[in-house]
C-alpha atoms as a PDB file:
ATOM      1  CA  MET A   1      18.339   8.793  10.242  1.00  0.00           C
ATOM      2  CA  PRO A   2      21.072   6.234  10.887  1.00  0.00           C
ATOM      3  CA  PRO A   3      23.055   5.180   7.803  1.00  0.00           C
ATOM      4  CA  ILE A   4      21.604   1.652   7.806  1.00  0.00           C
ATOM      5  CA  LYS A   5      18.043   2.976   7.571  1.00  0.00           C
ATOM      6  CA  LYS A   6      18.985   5.247   4.671  1.00  0.00           C
ATOM      7  CA  ILE A   7      20.644   2.378   2.838  1.00  0.00           C
ATOM      8  CA  VAL A   8      17.652   0.093   3.338  1.00  0.00           C
ATOM      9  CA  LEU A   9      15.265   2.857   2.255  1.00  0.00           C
ATOM     10  CA  TRP A  10      17.250   3.471  -0.924  1.00  0.00           C
ATOM     11  CA  LEU A  11      17.386  -0.260  -1.661  1.00  0.00           C
ATOM     12  CA  VAL A  12      13.606  -0.511  -1.293  1.00  0.00           C
ATOM     13  CA  VAL A  13      13.059   2.495  -3.572  1.00  0.00           C
ATOM     14  CA  ILE A  14      15.448   1.101  -6.179  1.00  0.00           C
ATOM     15  CA  PHE A  15      13.757  -2.306  -6.029  1.00  0.00           C
ATOM     16  CA  LEU A  16      10.299  -0.750  -6.442  1.00  0.00           C
ATOM     17  CA  LEU A  17      11.445   1.280  -9.443  1.00  0.00           C
ATOM     18  CA  TYR A  18      13.061  -1.815 -10.954  1.00  0.00           C
ATOM     19  CA  ALA A  19       9.881  -3.842 -10.441  1.00  0.00           C
ATOM     20  CA  ILE A  20       7.732  -1.117 -12.010  1.00  0.00           C
ATOM     21  CA  PHE A  21       9.961  -0.637 -15.058  1.00  0.00           C
ATOM     22  CA  THR A  22      10.544  -4.327 -15.754  1.00  0.00           C
ATOM     23  CA  SER A  23       6.925  -5.416 -15.310  1.00  0.00           C
ATOM     24  CA  PRO A  24       4.494  -2.491 -15.309  1.00  0.00           C
ATOM     25  CA  ASP A  25       1.391  -4.661 -15.826  1.00  0.00           C
ATOM     26  CA  GLN A  26       2.142  -6.837 -12.828  1.00  0.00           C
ATOM     27  CA  ALA A  27       3.076  -3.793 -10.722  1.00  0.00           C
ATOM     28  CA  ALA A  28      -0.250  -2.171 -11.627  1.00  0.00           C
ATOM     29  CA  ALA A  29      -2.128  -5.342 -10.688  1.00  0.00           C
ATOM     30  CA  ILE A  30      -0.371  -5.507  -7.317  1.00  0.00           C
ATOM     31  CA  PHE A  31      -1.071  -1.828  -6.651  1.00  0.00           C
ATOM     32  CA  GLY A  32      -4.723  -2.317  -7.626  1.00  0.00           C
ATOM     33  CA  ALA A  33      -5.078  -5.271  -5.273  1.00  0.00           C
ATOM     34  CA  ALA A  34      -3.446  -3.352  -2.423  1.00  0.00           C
ATOM     35  CA  TRP A  35      -5.741  -0.370  -3.094  1.00  0.00           C
ATOM     36  CA  ASP A  36      -8.789  -2.663  -2.976  1.00  0.00           C
ATOM     37  CA  ILE A  37      -7.678  -4.028   0.407  1.00  0.00           C
ATOM     38  CA  VAL A  38      -7.181  -0.531   1.842  1.00  0.00           C
ATOM     39  CA  SER A  39     -10.466   0.692   0.368  1.00  0.00           C
ATOM     40  CA  THR A  40     -12.411  -2.253   1.790  1.00  0.00           C
ATOM     41  CA  GLY A  41     -10.796  -1.746   5.197  1.00  0.00           C
ATOM     42  CA  VAL A  42     -11.756   1.926   5.295  1.00  0.00           C
ATOM     43  CA  GLN A  43     -15.324   1.094   4.248  1.00  0.00           C
ATOM     44  CA  ASN A  44     -15.607  -1.525   6.987  1.00  0.00           C
ATOM     45  CA  ILE A  45     -14.296   0.887   9.625  1.00  0.00           C
ATOM     46  CA  ALA A  46     -16.816   3.491   8.445  1.00  0.00           C
ATOM     47  CA  ARG A  47     -19.640   0.939   8.692  1.00  0.00           C
ATOM     48  CA  PHE A  48     -18.519  -0.025  12.192  1.00  0.00           C
ATOM     49  CA  PHE A  49     -18.555   3.554  13.472  1.00  0.00           C
ATOM     50  CA  ASP A  50     -21.813   4.234  11.655  1.00  0.00           C
ATOM     51  CA  SER A  51     -23.411   1.266  13.425  1.00  0.00           C
ATOM     52  CA  LEU A  52     -22.103   2.551  16.774  1.00  0.00           C
ATOM     53  CA  ILE A  53     -23.596   5.986  16.184  1.00  0.00           C
ATOM     54  CA  ARG A  54     -27.004   4.668  15.112  1.00  0.00           C
ATOM     55  CA  ARG A  55     -27.548   2.646  18.310  1.00  0.00           C
END
């Protein structure tokens, strides 16, 4: 990995840890919302393929 990518990766990790420790409630809400989006997307993809198979 080039040095710039490592530096950016470490900065992102440090920022995420800072955000979690300074505001855990808000971080949990953001994670919950992101999980809901991913979960809904996976369900919709499953429905799509299920409808393709049933035809």
